[in-house]
Full PDB file with SEQRES, HELIX, SHEET, SSBOND, CRYST1, ORIGX, SCALE, CONECT and MASTER records, all heavy atoms in Angstrom:
SEQRES   1 A   39  ALA LYS LYS TYR GLY ARG SER LEU GLU GLN ALA ALA ASP          
SEQRES   2 A   39  GLY GLU ARG GLN LEU GLY ALA ALA ALA ASN GLU ALA GLY          
SEQRES   3 A   39  LEU GLU TYR VAL THR SER GLY ARG ASP SER GLY ASN SER          
HELIX    1 AA1 LEU A    8  GLU A   24  1                                  17    
CRYST1    1.000    1.000    1.000  90.00  90.00  90.00 P 1           1          
ORIGX1      1.000000  0.000000  0.000000        0.00000                         
ORIGX2      0.000000  1.000000  0.000000        0.00000                         
ORIGX3      0.000000  0.000000  1.000000        0.00000                         
SCALE1      1.000000  0.000000  0.000000        0.00000                         
SCALE2      0.000000  1.000000  0.000000        0.00000                         
SCALE3      0.000000  0.000000  1.000000        0.00000                         
ATOM      1  N   ALA A   1     -82.073 169.227 -31.873  1.00  0.00           N  
ATOM      2  CA  ALA A   1     -83.107 168.207 -32.038  1.00  0.00           C  
ATOM      3  C   ALA A   1     -83.786 167.897 -30.706  1.00  0.00           C  
ATOM      4  O   ALA A   1     -85.019 167.797 -30.623  1.00  0.00           O  
ATOM      5  CB  ALA A   1     -82.495 166.946 -32.645  1.00  0.00           C  
ATOM      6  N   LYS A   2     -82.986 167.767 -29.657  1.00  0.00           N  
ATOM      7  CA  LYS A   2     -83.533 167.436 -28.341  1.00  0.00           C  
ATOM      8  C   LYS A   2     -84.302 168.605 -27.751  1.00  0.00           C  
ATOM      9  O   LYS A   2     -85.411 168.429 -27.210  1.00  0.00           O  
ATOM     10  CB  LYS A   2     -82.398 167.020 -27.405  1.00  0.00           C  
ATOM     11  CG  LYS A   2     -82.860 166.654 -26.006  1.00  0.00           C  
ATOM     12  CD  LYS A   2     -81.681 166.231 -25.133  1.00  0.00           C  
ATOM     13  CE  LYS A   2     -82.141 165.874 -23.717  1.00  0.00           C  
ATOM     14  NZ  LYS A   2     -80.986 165.476 -22.855  1.00  0.00           N  
ATOM     15  N   LYS A   3     -83.758 169.803 -27.865  1.00  0.00           N  
ATOM     16  CA  LYS A   3     -84.364 170.974 -27.233  1.00  0.00           C  
ATOM     17  C   LYS A   3     -85.694 171.348 -27.871  1.00  0.00           C  
ATOM     18  O   LYS A   3     -86.646 171.732 -27.179  1.00  0.00           O  
ATOM     19  CB  LYS A   3     -83.403 172.162 -27.299  1.00  0.00           C  
ATOM     20  CG  LYS A   3     -83.918 173.415 -26.590  1.00  0.00           C  
ATOM     21  CD  LYS A   3     -82.871 174.503 -26.557  1.00  0.00           C  
ATOM     22  CE  LYS A   3     -83.386 175.733 -25.800  1.00  0.00           C  
ATOM     23  NZ  LYS A   3     -82.362 176.802 -25.713  1.00  0.00           N  
ATOM     24  N   TYR A   4     -85.784 171.241 -29.199  1.00  0.00           N  
ATOM     25  CA  TYR A   4     -86.982 171.689 -29.904  1.00  0.00           C  
ATOM     26  C   TYR A   4     -87.854 170.533 -30.417  1.00  0.00           C  
ATOM     27  O   TYR A   4     -88.830 170.772 -31.126  1.00  0.00           O  
ATOM     28  CB  TYR A   4     -86.585 172.595 -31.069  1.00  0.00           C  
ATOM     29  CG  TYR A   4     -85.880 173.851 -30.620  1.00  0.00           C  
ATOM     30  CD1 TYR A   4     -84.502 173.978 -30.749  1.00  0.00           C  
ATOM     31  CD2 TYR A   4     -86.586 174.899 -30.038  1.00  0.00           C  
ATOM     32  CE1 TYR A   4     -83.840 175.127 -30.319  1.00  0.00           C  
ATOM     33  CE2 TYR A   4     -85.942 176.052 -29.610  1.00  0.00           C  
ATOM     34  CZ  TYR A   4     -84.563 176.153 -29.758  1.00  0.00           C  
ATOM     35  OH  TYR A   4     -83.926 177.291 -29.327  1.00  0.00           O  
ATOM     36  N   GLY A   5     -87.506 169.317 -30.047  1.00  0.00           N  
ATOM     37  CA  GLY A   5     -88.312 168.182 -30.448  1.00  0.00           C  
ATOM     38  C   GLY A   5     -88.301 167.919 -31.942  1.00  0.00           C  
ATOM     39  O   GLY A   5     -89.304 167.477 -32.516  1.00  0.00           O  
ATOM     40  N   ARG A   6     -87.173 168.156 -32.576  1.00  0.00           N  
ATOM     41  CA  ARG A   6     -87.041 167.934 -34.021  1.00  0.00           C  
ATOM     42  C   ARG A   6     -86.267 166.647 -34.278  1.00  0.00           C  
ATOM     43  O   ARG A   6     -85.582 166.125 -33.399  1.00  0.00           O  
ATOM     44  CB  ARG A   6     -86.314 169.107 -34.680  1.00  0.00           C  
ATOM     45  CG  ARG A   6     -87.001 170.455 -34.502  1.00  0.00           C  
ATOM     46  CD  ARG A   6     -86.148 171.577 -35.059  1.00  0.00           C  
ATOM     47  NE  ARG A   6     -86.758 172.877 -34.819  1.00  0.00           N  
ATOM     48  CZ  ARG A   6     -86.159 174.031 -35.088  1.00  0.00           C  
ATOM     49  NH1 ARG A   6     -84.928 174.034 -35.596  1.00  0.00           N  
ATOM     50  NH2 ARG A   6     -86.777 175.181 -34.841  1.00  0.00           N  
ATOM     51  N   SER A   7     -86.379 166.180 -35.509  1.00  0.00           N  
ATOM     52  CA  SER A   7     -85.558 165.039 -35.894  1.00  0.00           C  
ATOM     53  C   SER A   7     -84.143 165.539 -36.155  1.00  0.00           C  
ATOM     54  O   SER A   7     -83.912 166.742 -36.350  1.00  0.00           O  
ATOM     55  CB  SER A   7     -86.115 164.386 -37.160  1.00  0.00           C  
ATOM     56  OG  SER A   7     -85.956 165.255 -38.282  1.00  0.00           O  
ATOM     57  N   LEU A   8     -83.193 164.624 -36.170  1.00  0.00           N  
ATOM     58  CA  LEU A   8     -81.810 165.007 -36.456  1.00  0.00           C  
ATOM     59  C   LEU A   8     -81.694 165.607 -37.843  1.00  0.00           C  
ATOM     60  O   LEU A   8     -80.935 166.571 -38.060  1.00  0.00           O  
ATOM     61  CB  LEU A   8     -80.894 163.786 -36.325  1.00  0.00           C  
ATOM     62  CG  LEU A   8     -80.680 163.254 -34.904  1.00  0.00           C  
ATOM     63  CD1 LEU A   8     -79.843 161.984 -34.937  1.00  0.00           C  
ATOM     64  CD2 LEU A   8     -80.000 164.309 -34.025  1.00  0.00           C  
ATOM     65  N   GLU A   9     -82.448 165.088 -38.803  1.00  0.00           N  
ATOM     66  CA  GLU A   9     -82.393 165.620 -40.167  1.00  0.00           C  
ATOM     67  C   GLU A   9     -82.964 167.032 -40.222  1.00  0.00           C  
ATOM     68  O   GLU A   9     -82.442 167.905 -40.920  1.00  0.00           O  
ATOM     69  CB  GLU A   9     -83.152 164.707 -41.131  1.00  0.00           C  
ATOM     70  CG  GLU A   9     -83.132 165.188 -42.578  1.00  0.00           C  
ATOM     71  CD  GLU A   9     -81.719 165.444 -43.114  1.00  0.00           C  
ATOM     72  OE1 GLU A   9     -80.794 164.692 -42.749  1.00  0.00           O  
ATOM     73  OE2 GLU A   9     -81.547 166.402 -43.886  1.00  0.00           O  
ATOM     74  N   GLN A  10     -84.039 167.285 -39.496  1.00  0.00           N  
ATOM     75  CA  GLN A  10     -84.603 168.637 -39.455  1.00  0.00           C  
ATOM     76  C   GLN A  10     -83.615 169.618 -38.835  1.00  0.00           C  
ATOM     77  O   GLN A  10     -83.456 170.743 -39.317  1.00  0.00           O  
ATOM     78  CB  GLN A  10     -85.912 168.626 -38.661  1.00  0.00           C  
ATOM     79  CG  GLN A  10     -87.076 167.966 -39.368  1.00  0.00           C  
ATOM     80  CD  GLN A  10     -88.299 167.860 -38.468  1.00  0.00           C  
ATOM     81  OE1 GLN A  10     -88.188 167.642 -37.258  1.00  0.00           O  
ATOM     82  NE2 GLN A  10     -89.485 168.007 -39.060  1.00  0.00           N  
ATOM     83  N   ALA A  11     -82.962 169.190 -37.760  1.00  0.00           N  
ATOM     84  CA  ALA A  11     -81.975 170.058 -37.109  1.00  0.00           C  
ATOM     85  C   ALA A  11     -80.791 170.317 -38.032  1.00  0.00           C  
ATOM     86  O   ALA A  11     -80.288 171.443 -38.121  1.00  0.00           O  
ATOM     87  CB  ALA A  11     -81.504 169.427 -35.806  1.00  0.00           C  
ATOM     88  N   ALA A  12     -80.357 169.281 -38.736  1.00  0.00           N  
ATOM     89  CA  ALA A  12     -79.233 169.430 -39.668  1.00  0.00           C  
ATOM     90  C   ALA A  12     -79.613 170.345 -40.825  1.00  0.00           C  
ATOM     91  O   ALA A  12     -78.791 171.151 -41.289  1.00  0.00           O  
ATOM     92  CB  ALA A  12     -78.801 168.063 -40.189  1.00  0.00           C  
ATOM     93  N   ASP A  13     -80.863 170.234 -41.274  1.00  0.00           N  
ATOM     94  CA  ASP A  13     -81.321 171.100 -42.366  1.00  0.00           C  
ATOM     95  C   ASP A  13     -81.334 172.555 -41.918  1.00  0.00           C  
ATOM     96  O   ASP A  13     -80.999 173.458 -42.688  1.00  0.00           O  
ATOM     97  CB  ASP A  13     -82.711 170.673 -42.819  1.00  0.00           C  
ATOM     98  CG  ASP A  13     -83.196 171.480 -44.017  1.00  0.00           C  
ATOM     99  OD1 ASP A  13     -82.511 171.450 -45.066  1.00  0.00           O  
ATOM    100  OD2 ASP A  13     -84.243 172.155 -43.908  1.00  0.00           O  
ATOM    101  N   GLY A  14     -81.716 172.785 -40.658  1.00  0.00           N  
ATOM    102  CA  GLY A  14     -81.685 174.146 -40.132  1.00  0.00           C  
ATOM    103  C   GLY A  14     -80.282 174.719 -40.123  1.00  0.00           C  
ATOM    104  O   GLY A  14     -80.075 175.900 -40.442  1.00  0.00           O  
ATOM    105  N   GLU A  15     -79.310 173.884 -39.788  1.00  0.00           N  
ATOM    106  CA  GLU A  15     -77.924 174.328 -39.817  1.00  0.00           C  
ATOM    107  C   GLU A  15     -77.483 174.678 -41.233  1.00  0.00           C  
ATOM    108  O   GLU A  15     -76.774 175.660 -41.457  1.00  0.00           O  
ATOM    109  CB  GLU A  15     -77.014 173.239 -39.236  1.00  0.00           C  
ATOM    110  CG  GLU A  15     -76.926 173.224 -37.724  1.00  0.00           C  
ATOM    111  CD  GLU A  15     -76.205 174.452 -37.194  1.00  0.00           C  
ATOM    112  OE1 GLU A  15     -74.963 174.528 -37.297  1.00  0.00           O  
ATOM    113  OE2 GLU A  15     -76.898 175.354 -36.691  1.00  0.00           O  
ATOM    114  N   ARG A  16     -77.925 173.886 -42.199  1.00  0.00           N  
ATOM    115  CA  ARG A  16     -77.568 174.169 -43.592  1.00  0.00           C  
ATOM    116  C   ARG A  16     -78.187 175.490 -44.055  1.00  0.00           C  
ATOM    117  O   ARG A  16     -77.545 176.261 -44.782  1.00  0.00           O  
ATOM    118  CB  ARG A  16     -78.010 173.017 -44.494  1.00  0.00           C  
ATOM    119  CG  ARG A  16     -77.171 171.749 -44.334  1.00  0.00           C  
ATOM    120  CD  ARG A  16     -77.487 170.717 -45.397  1.00  0.00           C  
ATOM    121  NE  ARG A  16     -78.800 170.113 -45.191  1.00  0.00           N  
ATOM    122  CZ  ARG A  16     -79.010 169.015 -44.490  1.00  0.00           C  
ATOM    123  NH1 ARG A  16     -77.989 168.389 -43.898  1.00  0.00           N  
ATOM    124  NH2 ARG A  16     -80.226 168.516 -44.369  1.00  0.00           N  
ATOM    125  N   GLN A  17     -79.398 175.753 -43.631  1.00  0.00           N  
ATOM    126  CA  GLN A  17     -80.033 177.021 -43.993  1.00  0.00           C  
ATOM    127  C   GLN A  17     -79.310 178.206 -43.359  1.00  0.00           C  
ATOM    128  O   GLN A  17     -79.125 179.250 -43.993  1.00  0.00           O  
ATOM    129  CB  GLN A  17     -81.498 177.002 -43.561  1.00  0.00           C  
ATOM    130  CG  GLN A  17     -82.365 176.022 -44.338  1.00  0.00           C  
ATOM    131  CD  GLN A  17     -83.816 176.058 -43.889  1.00  0.00           C  
ATOM    132  OE1 GLN A  17     -84.357 177.127 -43.585  1.00  0.00           O  
ATOM    133  NE2 GLN A  17     -84.442 174.899 -43.824  1.00  0.00           N  
ATOM    134  N   LEU A  18     -78.911 178.038 -42.112  1.00  0.00           N  
ATOM    135  CA  LEU A  18     -78.147 179.092 -41.454  1.00  0.00           C  
ATOM    136  C   LEU A  18     -76.813 179.315 -42.146  1.00  0.00           C  
ATOM    137  O   LEU A  18     -76.359 180.447 -42.315  1.00  0.00           O  
ATOM    138  CB  LEU A  18     -77.913 178.726 -39.981  1.00  0.00           C  
ATOM    139  CG  LEU A  18     -79.110 178.896 -39.050  1.00  0.00           C  
ATOM    140  CD1 LEU A  18     -78.840 178.217 -37.714  1.00  0.00           C  
ATOM    141  CD2 LEU A  18     -79.398 180.381 -38.838  1.00  0.00           C  
ATOM    142  N   GLY A  19     -76.189 178.218 -42.565  1.00  0.00           N  
ATOM    143  CA  GLY A  19     -74.931 178.332 -43.282  1.00  0.00           C  
ATOM    144  C   GLY A  19     -75.078 179.097 -44.582  1.00  0.00           C  
ATOM    145  O   GLY A  19     -74.224 179.924 -44.938  1.00  0.00           O  
ATOM    146  N   ALA A  20     -76.171 178.852 -45.296  1.00  0.00           N  
ATOM    147  CA  ALA A  20     -76.407 179.557 -46.555  1.00  0.00           C  
ATOM    148  C   ALA A  20     -76.609 181.052 -46.312  1.00  0.00           C  
ATOM    149  O   ALA A  20     -76.092 181.894 -47.057  1.00  0.00           O  
ATOM    150  CB  ALA A  20     -77.631 178.967 -47.256  1.00  0.00           C  
ATOM    151  N   ALA A  21     -77.356 181.397 -45.249  1.00  0.00           N  
ATOM    152  CA  ALA A  21     -77.576 182.813 -44.931  1.00  0.00           C  
ATOM    153  C   ALA A  21     -76.268 183.486 -44.535  1.00  0.00           C  
ATOM    154  O   ALA A  21     -76.001 184.636 -44.917  1.00  0.00           O  
ATOM    155  CB  ALA A  21     -78.599 182.932 -43.801  1.00  0.00           C  
ATOM    156  N   ALA A  22     -75.444 182.770 -43.766  1.00  0.00           N  
ATOM    157  CA  ALA A  22     -74.154 183.325 -43.362  1.00  0.00           C  
ATOM    158  C   ALA A  22     -73.249 183.529 -44.576  1.00  0.00           C  
ATOM    159  O   ALA A  22     -72.600 184.575 -44.705  1.00  0.00           O  
ATOM    160  CB  ALA A  22     -73.481 182.405 -42.347  1.00  0.00           C  
ATOM    161  N   ASN A  23     -73.207 182.550 -45.448  1.00  0.00           N  
ATOM    162  CA  ASN A  23     -72.379 182.660 -46.658  1.00  0.00           C  
ATOM    163  C   ASN A  23     -72.829 183.827 -47.518  1.00  0.00           C  
ATOM    164  O   ASN A  23     -72.000 184.547 -48.085  1.00  0.00           O  
ATOM    165  CB  ASN A  23     -72.448 181.373 -47.469  1.00  0.00           C  
ATOM    166  CG  ASN A  23     -71.804 180.183 -46.774  1.00  0.00           C  
ATOM    167  OD1 ASN A  23     -72.080 179.032 -47.112  1.00  0.00           O  
ATOM    168  ND2 ASN A  23     -70.946 180.421 -45.780  1.00  0.00           N  
ATOM    169  N   GLU A  24     -74.138 184.029 -47.617  1.00  0.00           N  
ATOM    170  CA  GLU A  24     -74.672 185.142 -48.404  1.00  0.00           C  
ATOM    171  C   GLU A  24     -74.222 186.481 -47.837  1.00  0.00           C  
ATOM    172  O   GLU A  24     -74.010 187.449 -48.568  1.00  0.00           O  
ATOM    173  CB  GLU A  24     -76.196 185.074 -48.434  1.00  0.00           C  
ATOM    174  CG  GLU A  24     -76.838 186.141 -49.314  1.00  0.00           C  
ATOM    175  CD  GLU A  24     -78.353 186.031 -49.360  1.00  0.00           C  
ATOM    176  OE1 GLU A  24     -78.901 185.053 -48.804  1.00  0.00           O  
ATOM    177  OE2 GLU A  24     -78.984 186.919 -49.951  1.00  0.00           O  
ATOM    178  N   ALA A  25     -74.058 186.530 -46.513  1.00  0.00           N  
ATOM    179  CA  ALA A  25     -73.605 187.767 -45.860  1.00  0.00           C  
ATOM    180  C   ALA A  25     -72.094 187.914 -45.892  1.00  0.00           C  
ATOM    181  O   ALA A  25     -71.556 188.918 -45.432  1.00  0.00           O  
ATOM    182  CB  ALA A  25     -74.095 187.791 -44.410  1.00  0.00           C  
ATOM    183  N   GLY A  26     -71.400 186.896 -46.429  1.00  0.00           N  
ATOM    184  CA  GLY A  26     -69.946 186.960 -46.512  1.00  0.00           C  
ATOM    185  C   GLY A  26     -69.235 186.330 -45.346  1.00  0.00           C  
ATOM    186  O   GLY A  26     -68.055 186.626 -45.095  1.00  0.00           O  
ATOM    187  N   LEU A  27     -69.918 185.434 -44.632  1.00  0.00           N  
ATOM    188  CA  LEU A  27     -69.342 184.786 -43.460  1.00  0.00           C  
ATOM    189  C   LEU A  27     -69.088 183.305 -43.729  1.00  0.00           C  
ATOM    190  O   LEU A  27     -69.824 182.665 -44.476  1.00  0.00           O  
ATOM    191  CB  LEU A  27     -70.293 184.905 -42.267  1.00  0.00           C  
ATOM    192  CG  LEU A  27     -70.569 186.307 -41.732  1.00  0.00           C  
ATOM    193  CD1 LEU A  27     -71.711 186.253 -40.717  1.00  0.00           C  
ATOM    194  CD2 LEU A  27     -69.333 186.909 -41.088  1.00  0.00           C  
ATOM    195  N   GLU A  28     -68.070 182.775 -43.077  1.00  0.00           N  
ATOM    196  CA  GLU A  28     -67.825 181.334 -43.112  1.00  0.00           C  
ATOM    197  C   GLU A  28     -68.731 180.658 -42.090  1.00  0.00           C  
ATOM    198  O   GLU A  28     -69.025 181.230 -41.039  1.00  0.00           O  
ATOM    199  CB  GLU A  28     -66.371 181.023 -42.780  1.00  0.00           C  
ATOM    200  CG  GLU A  28     -65.360 181.559 -43.772  1.00  0.00           C  
ATOM    201  CD  GLU A  28     -63.941 181.193 -43.374  1.00  0.00           C  
ATOM    202  OE1 GLU A  28     -63.636 179.979 -43.361  1.00  0.00           O  
ATOM    203  OE2 GLU A  28     -63.173 182.109 -43.052  1.00  0.00           O  
ATOM    204  N   TYR A  29     -69.176 179.429 -42.401  1.00  0.00           N  
ATOM    205  CA  TYR A  29     -70.063 178.720 -41.485  1.00  0.00           C  
ATOM    206  C   TYR A  29     -69.926 177.225 -41.707  1.00  0.00           C  
ATOM    207  O   TYR A  29     -70.170 176.722 -42.803  1.00  0.00           O  
ATOM    208  CB  TYR A  29     -71.512 179.151 -41.723  1.00  0.00           C  
ATOM    209  CG  TYR A  29     -72.479 178.765 -40.615  1.00  0.00           C  
ATOM    210  CD1 TYR A  29     -72.888 179.707 -39.682  1.00  0.00           C  
ATOM    211  CD2 TYR A  29     -72.979 177.471 -40.514  1.00  0.00           C  
ATOM    212  CE1 TYR A  29     -73.781 179.372 -38.670  1.00  0.00           C  
ATOM    213  CE2 TYR A  29     -73.865 177.119 -39.506  1.00  0.00           C  
ATOM    214  CZ  TYR A  29     -74.269 178.078 -38.587  1.00  0.00           C  
ATOM    215  OH  TYR A  29     -75.149 177.739 -37.593  1.00  0.00           O  
ATOM    216  N   VAL A  30     -69.523 176.521 -40.648  1.00  0.00           N  
ATOM    217  CA  VAL A  30     -69.402 175.068 -40.708  1.00  0.00           C  
ATOM    218  C   VAL A  30     -70.767 174.471 -40.362  1.00  0.00           C  
ATOM    219  O   VAL A  30     -71.291 174.706 -39.267  1.00  0.00           O  
ATOM    220  CB  VAL A  30     -68.335 174.566 -39.709  1.00  0.00           C  
ATOM    221  CG1 VAL A  30     -68.288 173.042 -39.718  1.00  0.00           C  
ATOM    222  CG2 VAL A  30     -66.972 175.134 -40.070  1.00  0.00           C  
ATOM    223  N   THR A  31     -71.366 173.718 -41.265  1.00  0.00           N  
ATOM    224  CA  THR A  31     -72.737 173.264 -41.075  1.00  0.00           C  
ATOM    225  C   THR A  31     -72.849 171.900 -40.391  1.00  0.00           C  
ATOM    226  O   THR A  31     -73.954 171.435 -40.121  1.00  0.00           O  
ATOM    227  CB  THR A  31     -73.467 173.196 -42.424  1.00  0.00           C  
ATOM    228  OG1 THR A  31     -72.762 172.313 -43.301  1.00  0.00           O  
ATOM    229  CG2 THR A  31     -73.538 174.580 -43.068  1.00  0.00           C  
ATOM    230  N   SER A  32     -71.740 171.262 -40.109  1.00  0.00           N  
ATOM    231  CA  SER A  32     -71.804 169.982 -39.401  1.00  0.00           C  
ATOM    232  C   SER A  32     -70.603 169.857 -38.470  1.00  0.00           C  
ATOM    233  O   SER A  32     -69.533 170.402 -38.744  1.00  0.00           O  
ATOM    234  CB  SER A  32     -71.813 168.810 -40.392  1.00  0.00           C  
ATOM    235  OG  SER A  32     -70.622 168.781 -41.145  1.00  0.00           O  
ATOM    236  N   GLY A  33     -70.823 169.163 -37.360  1.00  0.00           N  
ATOM    237  CA  GLY A  33     -69.730 168.914 -36.430  1.00  0.00           C  
ATOM    238  C   GLY A  33     -69.529 169.982 -35.373  1.00  0.00           C  
ATOM    239  O   GLY A  33     -68.675 169.823 -34.493  1.00  0.00           O  
ATOM    240  N   ARG A  34     -70.288 171.101 -35.430  1.00  0.00           N  
ATOM    241  CA  ARG A  34     -70.119 172.138 -34.404  1.00  0.00           C  
ATOM    242  C   ARG A  34     -70.623 171.650 -33.053  1.00  0.00           C  
ATOM    243  O   ARG A  34     -71.463 170.764 -32.969  1.00  0.00           O  
ATOM    244  CB  ARG A  34     -70.866 173.411 -34.800  1.00  0.00           C  
ATOM    245  CG  ARG A  34     -70.339 174.113 -36.022  1.00  0.00           C  
ATOM    246  CD  ARG A  34     -70.815 175.563 -36.118  1.00  0.00           C  
ATOM    247  NE  ARG A  34     -72.247 175.713 -36.007  1.00  0.00           N  
ATOM    248  CZ  ARG A  34     -72.882 176.171 -34.935  1.00  0.00           C  
ATOM    249  NH1 ARG A  34     -72.196 176.512 -33.844  1.00  0.00           N  
ATOM    250  NH2 ARG A  34     -74.196 176.290 -34.911  1.00  0.00           N  
ATOM    251  N   ASP A  35     -70.117 172.272 -31.986  1.00  0.00           N  
ATOM    252  CA  ASP A  35     -70.580 171.918 -30.657  1.00  0.00           C  
ATOM    253  C   ASP A  35     -71.211 173.131 -29.976  1.00  0.00           C  
ATOM    254  O   ASP A  35     -71.180 174.252 -30.507  1.00  0.00           O  
ATOM    255  CB  ASP A  35     -69.442 171.340 -29.807  1.00  0.00           C  
ATOM    256  CG  ASP A  35     -68.384 172.372 -29.439  1.00  0.00           C  
ATOM    257  OD1 ASP A  35     -68.218 173.351 -30.198  1.00  0.00           O  
ATOM    258  OD2 ASP A  35     -67.714 172.194 -28.407  1.00  0.00           O  
ATOM    259  N   SER A  36     -71.791 172.902 -28.823  1.00  0.00           N  
ATOM    260  CA  SER A  36     -72.376 173.975 -28.024  1.00  0.00           C  
ATOM    261  C   SER A  36     -72.070 173.693 -26.561  1.00  0.00           C  
ATOM    262  O   SER A  36     -71.649 172.589 -26.200  1.00  0.00           O  
ATOM    263  CB  SER A  36     -73.893 174.060 -28.242  1.00  0.00           C  
ATOM    264  OG  SER A  36     -74.529 172.881 -27.784  1.00  0.00           O  
ATOM    265  N   GLY A  37     -72.278 174.696 -25.714  1.00  0.00           N  
ATOM    266  CA  GLY A  37     -71.976 174.505 -24.306  1.00  0.00           C  
ATOM    267  C   GLY A  37     -72.176 175.770 -23.511  1.00  0.00           C  
ATOM    268  O   GLY A  37     -72.768 176.746 -23.987  1.00  0.00           O  
ATOM    269  N   ASN A  38     -71.677 175.781 -22.296  1.00  0.00           N  
ATOM    270  CA  ASN A  38     -71.788 176.919 -21.401  1.00  0.00           C  
ATOM    271  C   ASN A  38     -70.860 178.043 -21.873  1.00  0.00           C  
ATOM    272  O   ASN A  38     -69.677 177.814 -22.115  1.00  0.00           O  
ATOM    273  CB  ASN A  38     -71.422 176.484 -19.976  1.00  0.00           C  
ATOM    274  CG  ASN A  38     -71.683 177.567 -18.956  1.00  0.00           C  
ATOM    275  OD1 ASN A  38     -71.001 178.580 -18.935  1.00  0.00           O  
ATOM    276  ND2 ASN A  38     -72.667 177.346 -18.099  1.00  0.00           N  
ATOM    277  N   SER A  39     -71.407 179.252 -21.982  1.00  0.00           N  
ATOM    278  CA  SER A  39     -70.638 180.372 -22.537  1.00  0.00           C  
ATOM    279  C   SER A  39     -70.219 181.400 -21.491  1.00  0.00           C  
ATOM    280  O   SER A  39     -69.707 182.473 -21.848  1.00  0.00           O  
ATOM    281  CB  SER A  39     -71.453 181.070 -23.637  1.00  0.00           C  
ATOM    282  OG  SER A  39     -72.688 181.542 -23.119  1.00  0.00           O  
TER     283      SER A  39                                                      
MASTER        0    0    0    1    0    0    0    6  282    1    0    3          
END                                                                             
């Protein structure tokens, strides 16, 4: 939301869409509560 200037709901919706695409490919995907950081 901060990086791309989106609302929290828009960012959360993007995560849900990614989760659906991952599930369709046979992958598990947690759509809320994930974190990010230095890799």
